[in-house]
C-alpha atoms as a PDB file:
ATOM      1  CA  MET A   1     -18.117  16.563  28.785  1.00  0.00           C
ATOM      2  CA  ALA A   2     -18.466  16.239  32.722  1.00  0.00           C
ATOM      3  CA  GLU A   3     -16.830  18.195  35.174  1.00  0.00           C
ATOM      4  CA  ILE A   4     -13.731  16.752  36.487  1.00  0.00           C
ATOM      5  CA  LYS A   5     -13.768  16.976  40.440  1.00  0.00           C
ATOM      6  CA  ASP A   6     -10.795  15.011  40.866  1.00  0.00           C
ATOM      7  CA  PRO A   7      -8.006  15.112  38.067  1.00  0.00           C
ATOM      8  CA  GLU A   8      -5.769  12.989  39.829  1.00  0.00           C
ATOM      9  CA  ASN A   9      -8.484  10.412  39.962  1.00  0.00           C
ATOM     10  CA  THR A  10      -9.787  10.707  36.776  1.00  0.00           C
ATOM     11  CA  ILE A  11      -9.384   8.864  33.620  1.00  0.00           C
ATOM     12  CA  VAL A  12      -9.458  10.170  30.047  1.00  0.00           C
ATOM     13  CA  MET A  13      -9.914   7.515  27.512  1.00  0.00           C
ATOM     14  CA  GLU A  14     -10.012   8.229  23.673  1.00  0.00           C
ATOM     15  CA  LEU A  15     -11.872   5.847  21.658  1.00  0.00           C
ATOM     16  CA  LYS A  16     -12.935   6.146  18.059  1.00  0.00           C
ATOM     17  CA  ASP A  17     -16.077   7.742  18.630  1.00  0.00           C
ATOM     18  CA  GLY A  18     -15.163  10.221  21.231  1.00  0.00           C
ATOM     19  CA  THR A  19     -13.824  10.782  24.636  1.00  0.00           C
ATOM     20  CA  VAL A  20     -14.917   8.444  27.640  1.00  0.00           C
ATOM     21  CA  ILE A  21     -14.057  10.207  31.240  1.00  0.00           C
ATOM     22  CA  ILE A  22     -13.849   7.715  34.022  1.00  0.00           C
ATOM     23  CA  GLU A  23     -13.895   8.690  37.709  1.00  0.00           C
ATOM     24  CA  LEU A  24     -11.678   6.105  39.806  1.00  0.00           C
ATOM     25  CA  LEU A  25     -13.060   5.038  43.172  1.00  0.00           C
ATOM     26  CA  ALA A  26      -9.629   5.744  44.962  1.00  0.00           C
ATOM     27  CA  ASP A  27     -11.189   5.410  48.256  1.00  0.00           C
ATOM     28  CA  VAL A  28     -13.226   2.215  47.645  1.00  0.00           C
ATOM     29  CA  ALA A  29     -10.432   0.350  45.684  1.00  0.00           C
ATOM     30  CA  PRO A  30      -6.929   2.072  46.181  1.00  0.00           C
ATOM     31  CA  LYS A  31      -4.917  -0.557  44.554  1.00  0.00           C
ATOM     32  CA  HIS A  32      -7.142  -0.859  41.526  1.00  0.00           C
ATOM     33  CA  SER A  33      -7.081   2.621  40.881  1.00  0.00           C
ATOM     34  CA  GLU A  34      -3.521   2.984  41.588  1.00  0.00           C
ATOM     35  CA  ARG A  35      -2.730   0.320  38.820  1.00  0.00           C
ATOM     36  CA  MET A  36      -4.837   1.860  36.253  1.00  0.00           C
ATOM     37  CA  LYS A  37      -3.261   5.138  36.946  1.00  0.00           C
ATOM     38  CA  GLU A  38       0.214   3.666  36.707  1.00  0.00           C
ATOM     39  CA  LEU A  39      -0.555   1.946  33.539  1.00  0.00           C
ATOM     40  CA  ALA A  40      -2.253   4.974  32.189  1.00  0.00           C
ATOM     41  CA  ARG A  41       0.712   7.154  32.982  1.00  0.00           C
ATOM     42  CA  ALA A  42       3.249   4.298  31.264  1.00  0.00           C
ATOM     43  CA  GLY A  43       1.098   4.690  28.013  1.00  0.00           C
ATOM     44  CA  ALA A  44       0.353   0.796  28.618  1.00  0.00           C
ATOM     45  CA  TYR A  45      -3.141   1.183  27.518  1.00  0.00           C
ATOM     46  CA  ASP A  46      -2.659   3.069  24.394  1.00  0.00           C
ATOM     47  CA  GLY A  47      -3.709   0.826  21.359  1.00  0.00           C
ATOM     48  CA  VAL A  48      -4.999  -2.189  23.495  1.00  0.00           C
ATOM     49  CA  VAL A  49      -8.261  -3.729  22.152  1.00  0.00           C
ATOM     50  CA  PHE A  50     -11.724  -4.310  23.527  1.00  0.00           C
ATOM     51  CA  HIS A  51     -11.262  -8.392  23.251  1.00  0.00           C
ATOM     52  CA  ARG A  52     -14.389  -9.523  24.756  1.00  0.00           C
ATOM     53  CA  VAL A  53     -17.526  -7.292  24.184  1.00  0.00           C
ATOM     54  CA  ILE A  54     -20.894  -8.901  24.938  1.00  0.00           C
ATOM     55  CA  ASP A  55     -23.996  -6.879  23.942  1.00  0.00           C
ATOM     56  CA  GLY A  56     -26.248  -6.051  26.958  1.00  0.00           C
ATOM     57  CA  PHE A  57     -23.435  -7.208  29.152  1.00  0.00           C
ATOM     58  CA  MET A  58     -20.098  -5.590  29.276  1.00  0.00           C
ATOM     59  CA  ALA A  59     -16.851  -4.516  27.210  1.00  0.00           C
ATOM     60  CA  GLN A  60     -13.537  -6.226  28.390  1.00  0.00           C
ATOM     61  CA  THR A  61     -10.177  -4.719  27.793  1.00  0.00           C
ATOM     62  CA  GLY A  62      -6.714  -3.805  29.292  1.00  0.00           C
ATOM     63  CA  ASP A  63      -4.386  -6.696  28.147  1.00  0.00           C
ATOM     64  CA  VAL A  64      -1.402  -4.804  27.993  1.00  0.00           C
ATOM     65  CA  GLU A  65       0.646  -7.806  27.402  1.00  0.00           C
ATOM     66  CA  HIS A  66      -1.024  -9.319  24.427  1.00  0.00           C
ATOM     67  CA  GLY A  67      -3.942  -7.140  23.265  1.00  0.00           C
ATOM     68  CA  ASN A  68      -1.834  -3.862  22.085  1.00  0.00           C
ATOM     69  CA  ALA A  69      -3.224  -3.525  18.279  1.00  0.00           C
ATOM     70  CA  ASP A  70      -0.437  -1.138  17.538  1.00  0.00           C
ATOM     71  CA  SER A  71       2.601  -3.483  18.600  1.00  0.00           C
ATOM     72  CA  ASP A  72       4.432  -5.729  16.268  1.00  0.00           C
ATOM     73  CA  SER A  73       3.790  -8.720  18.594  1.00  0.00           C
ATOM     74  CA  TYR A  74      -0.046  -8.022  18.491  1.00  0.00           C
ATOM     75  CA  ASN A  75      -1.760 -11.573  18.121  1.00  0.00           C
ATOM     76  CA  PRO A  76      -5.635 -11.144  18.342  1.00  0.00           C
ATOM     77  CA  ARG A  77      -5.918 -14.894  19.657  1.00  0.00           C
ATOM     78  CA  ARG A  78      -4.032 -14.253  22.513  1.00  0.00           C
ATOM     79  CA  ALA A  79      -5.826 -11.132  23.581  1.00  0.00           C
ATOM     80  CA  GLY A  80      -7.462 -11.448  26.891  1.00  0.00           C
ATOM     81  CA  THR A  81      -4.806 -14.088  28.177  1.00  0.00           C
ATOM     82  CA  GLY A  82      -2.174 -11.716  29.555  1.00  0.00           C
ATOM     83  CA  GLY A  83      -1.874  -8.818  32.162  1.00  0.00           C
ATOM     84  CA  SER A  84       0.968  -6.741  32.947  1.00  0.00           C
ATOM     85  CA  GLU A  85       4.583  -7.332  34.313  1.00  0.00           C
ATOM     86  CA  HIS A  86       3.228  -6.089  37.819  1.00  0.00           C
ATOM     87  CA  PRO A  87       2.114  -8.757  40.318  1.00  0.00           C
ATOM     88  CA  ASP A  88      -1.595  -9.450  40.649  1.00  0.00           C
ATOM     89  CA  LEU A  89      -4.056  -7.418  42.924  1.00  0.00           C
ATOM     90  CA  PRO A  90      -5.701  -8.587  45.802  1.00  0.00           C
ATOM     91  CA  ALA A  91      -9.534  -8.457  45.777  1.00  0.00           C
ATOM     92  CA  GLU A  92     -11.084  -5.045  46.834  1.00  0.00           C
ATOM     93  CA  PHE A  93     -14.831  -6.057  47.002  1.00  0.00           C
ATOM     94  CA  SER A  94     -17.145  -3.477  48.324  1.00  0.00           C
ATOM     95  CA  LYS A  95     -20.883  -2.894  48.689  1.00  0.00           C
ATOM     96  CA  LEU A  96     -20.687  -0.869  45.315  1.00  0.00           C
ATOM     97  CA  PRO A  97     -23.035  -2.494  42.625  1.00  0.00           C
ATOM     98  CA  HIS A  98     -21.994  -3.421  39.242  1.00  0.00           C
ATOM     99  CA  SER A  99     -24.273  -0.762  37.710  1.00  0.00           C
ATOM    100  CA  ARG A 100     -24.342   0.606  34.161  1.00  0.00           C
ATOM    101  CA  GLY A 101     -21.152   2.257  33.387  1.00  0.00           C
ATOM    102  CA  THR A 102     -19.007   0.913  36.402  1.00  0.00           C
ATOM    103  CA  LEU A 103     -15.472  -0.523  35.887  1.00  0.00           C
ATOM    104  CA  GLY A 104     -14.820  -4.071  37.099  1.00  0.00           C
ATOM    105  CA  ALA A 105     -11.492  -5.630  37.547  1.00  0.00           C
ATOM    106  CA  ALA A 106     -11.131  -8.593  35.268  1.00  0.00           C
ATOM    107  CA  ARG A 107      -9.640 -11.782  36.841  1.00  0.00           C
ATOM    108  CA  SER A 108      -9.474 -15.587  36.751  1.00  0.00           C
ATOM    109  CA  GLN A 109     -11.435 -17.914  39.071  1.00  0.00           C
ATOM    110  CA  ASN A 110      -8.875 -16.700  41.633  1.00  0.00           C
ATOM    111  CA  PRO A 111     -10.363 -13.651  43.319  1.00  0.00           C
ATOM    112  CA  ASN A 112      -6.958 -12.177  43.853  1.00  0.00           C
ATOM    113  CA  SER A 113      -6.070 -12.453  40.136  1.00  0.00           C
ATOM    114  CA  ALA A 114      -6.799  -9.018  38.705  1.00  0.00           C
ATOM    115  CA  ASN A 115      -4.224  -7.034  37.069  1.00  0.00           C
ATOM    116  CA  SER A 116      -4.563  -4.807  34.046  1.00  0.00           C
ATOM    117  CA  GLN A 117      -7.810  -6.001  32.662  1.00  0.00           C
ATOM    118  CA  PHE A 118     -11.140  -4.424  33.406  1.00  0.00           C
ATOM    119  CA  PHE A 119     -14.554  -4.249  31.859  1.00  0.00           C
ATOM    120  CA  ILE A 120     -17.288  -1.668  31.680  1.00  0.00           C
ATOM    121  CA  ASN A 121     -20.787  -2.688  32.306  1.00  0.00           C
ATOM    122  CA  PHE A 122     -23.391  -1.809  29.510  1.00  0.00           C
ATOM    123  CA  LYS A 123     -26.259  -2.252  32.061  1.00  0.00           C
ATOM    124  CA  ASP A 124     -26.928  -3.051  35.742  1.00  0.00           C
ATOM    125  CA  ASN A 125     -25.079  -6.487  36.248  1.00  0.00           C
ATOM    126  CA  ASP A 126     -26.301  -7.214  39.716  1.00  0.00           C
ATOM    127  CA  PHE A 127     -25.303 -10.966  39.571  1.00  0.00           C
ATOM    128  CA  LEU A 128     -21.631  -9.801  39.675  1.00  0.00           C
ATOM    129  CA  ASN A 129     -21.860  -7.712  42.892  1.00  0.00           C
ATOM    130  CA  GLY A 130     -19.289  -8.583  45.661  1.00  0.00           C
ATOM    131  CA  GLN A 131     -17.500 -11.122  43.212  1.00  0.00           C
ATOM    132  CA  TYR A 132     -15.502  -8.446  41.064  1.00  0.00           C
ATOM    133  CA  THR A 133     -13.716  -5.463  42.330  1.00  0.00           C
ATOM    134  CA  VAL A 134     -15.739  -2.294  41.075  1.00  0.00           C
ATOM    135  CA  TYR A 135     -13.018   0.723  41.019  1.00  0.00           C
ATOM    136  CA  GLY A 136     -14.430   3.339  38.598  1.00  0.00           C
ATOM    137  CA  ARG A 137     -17.313   4.727  36.827  1.00  0.00           C
ATOM    138  CA  VAL A 138     -18.003   6.582  33.546  1.00  0.00           C
ATOM    139  CA  ILE A 139     -19.320  10.009  33.977  1.00  0.00           C
ATOM    140  CA  SER A 140     -19.184  11.062  30.504  1.00  0.00           C
ATOM    141  CA  GLY A 141     -19.156   9.249  27.154  1.00  0.00           C
ATOM    142  CA  MET A 142     -21.083   6.100  27.842  1.00  0.00           C
ATOM    143  CA  GLU A 143     -22.694   6.612  24.473  1.00  0.00           C
ATOM    144  CA  HIS A 144     -19.096   6.026  23.012  1.00  0.00           C
ATOM    145  CA  VAL A 145     -18.408   2.662  25.190  1.00  0.00           C
ATOM    146  CA  ASP A 146     -22.069   1.380  23.766  1.00  0.00           C
ATOM    147  CA  ALA A 147     -20.725   1.896  20.266  1.00  0.00           C
ATOM    148  CA  ILE A 148     -17.782  -0.493  20.839  1.00  0.00           C
ATOM    149  CA  ALA A 149     -17.479  -3.365  18.184  1.00  0.00           C
ATOM    150  CA  LYS A 150     -19.375  -6.492  19.691  1.00  0.00           C
ATOM    151  CA  GLY A 151     -17.836  -9.992  19.691  1.00  0.00           C
ATOM    152  CA  GLU A 152     -15.760 -12.515  21.696  1.00  0.00           C
ATOM    153  CA  PRO A 153     -13.293 -11.406  19.836  1.00  0.00           C
ATOM    154  CA  PRO A 154     -14.831  -8.836  17.795  1.00  0.00           C
ATOM    155  CA  ALA A 155     -14.282  -9.383  13.902  1.00  0.00           C
ATOM    156  CA  ASN A 156     -12.722  -5.704  14.104  1.00  0.00           C
ATOM    157  CA  PRO A 157     -11.789  -5.097  17.513  1.00  0.00           C
ATOM    158  CA  ASP A 158     -11.855  -1.366  18.767  1.00  0.00           C
ATOM    159  CA  LYS A 159      -9.165   0.007  20.701  1.00  0.00           C
ATOM    160  CA  MET A 160      -8.525   2.652  23.651  1.00  0.00           C
ATOM    161  CA  ILE A 161      -6.687   5.267  21.435  1.00  0.00           C
ATOM    162  CA  SER A 162      -5.183   6.742  24.670  1.00  0.00           C
ATOM    163  CA  VAL A 163      -5.842   6.570  28.015  1.00  0.00           C
ATOM    164  CA  LYS A 164      -4.352   9.174  30.378  1.00  0.00           C
ATOM    165  CA  VAL A 165      -4.760  10.424  33.805  1.00  0.00           C
ATOM    166  CA  ALA A 166      -6.743  13.910  33.519  1.00  0.00           C
ATOM    167  CA  ALA A 167      -4.101  15.506  35.970  1.00  0.00           C
ATOM    168  CA  ASP A 168      -1.470  14.735  33.196  1.00  0.00           C
ATOM    169  CA  ALA A 169      -3.663  15.828  30.367  1.00  0.00           C
END
C-alpha cells in the first residue's frame, strides 16, 4: 500500500479484490474533494455499485441515491440516474489531464451538474481534458480498479464495500 502523506485528503476504498487508495486534489478542486469526503464520512458510498464500466475507458460509480446495492430500494435500472441530496457542484476545470487512475466528476450536459458520481480512468483519456473536473488520483490499488466487472450496466456489478477518509480510519 502507498504511503499516505495527507490523511485528511486521502480516500480508502475497499473493493472485492482489495484496497484502493485515492489522493484527493483539494488544492485543484476543493469543492469536489470536500463533497467526496463529506459523503464518505456519512457512509453514503458504502455499497454503491459501479453502474457503467467500459473496458479501456473508465469505471463510473457514486450514485448514492439509486446505486446502493445494500439498500432495500436498490434498482439496477436506475443506478446512474441520481446524485445526492446536496446541490450540484460548479465545474473546477484545471490543466490536469485525465490520465490513467485519475478521478473525474461525472455530470450531465451541464458542466456545473456534478454531484456524487465519479469515474476512474482505466487509461489516458485526453479527449476529456478541460471538460470534466479532475479531483483525485489512485496512488495504490489500481489493479483492483482494473478488475471491476465491465458493462453498461454490468450483469453482476461490483460495488464499493466501504469508502472512508484515511484520517478517520
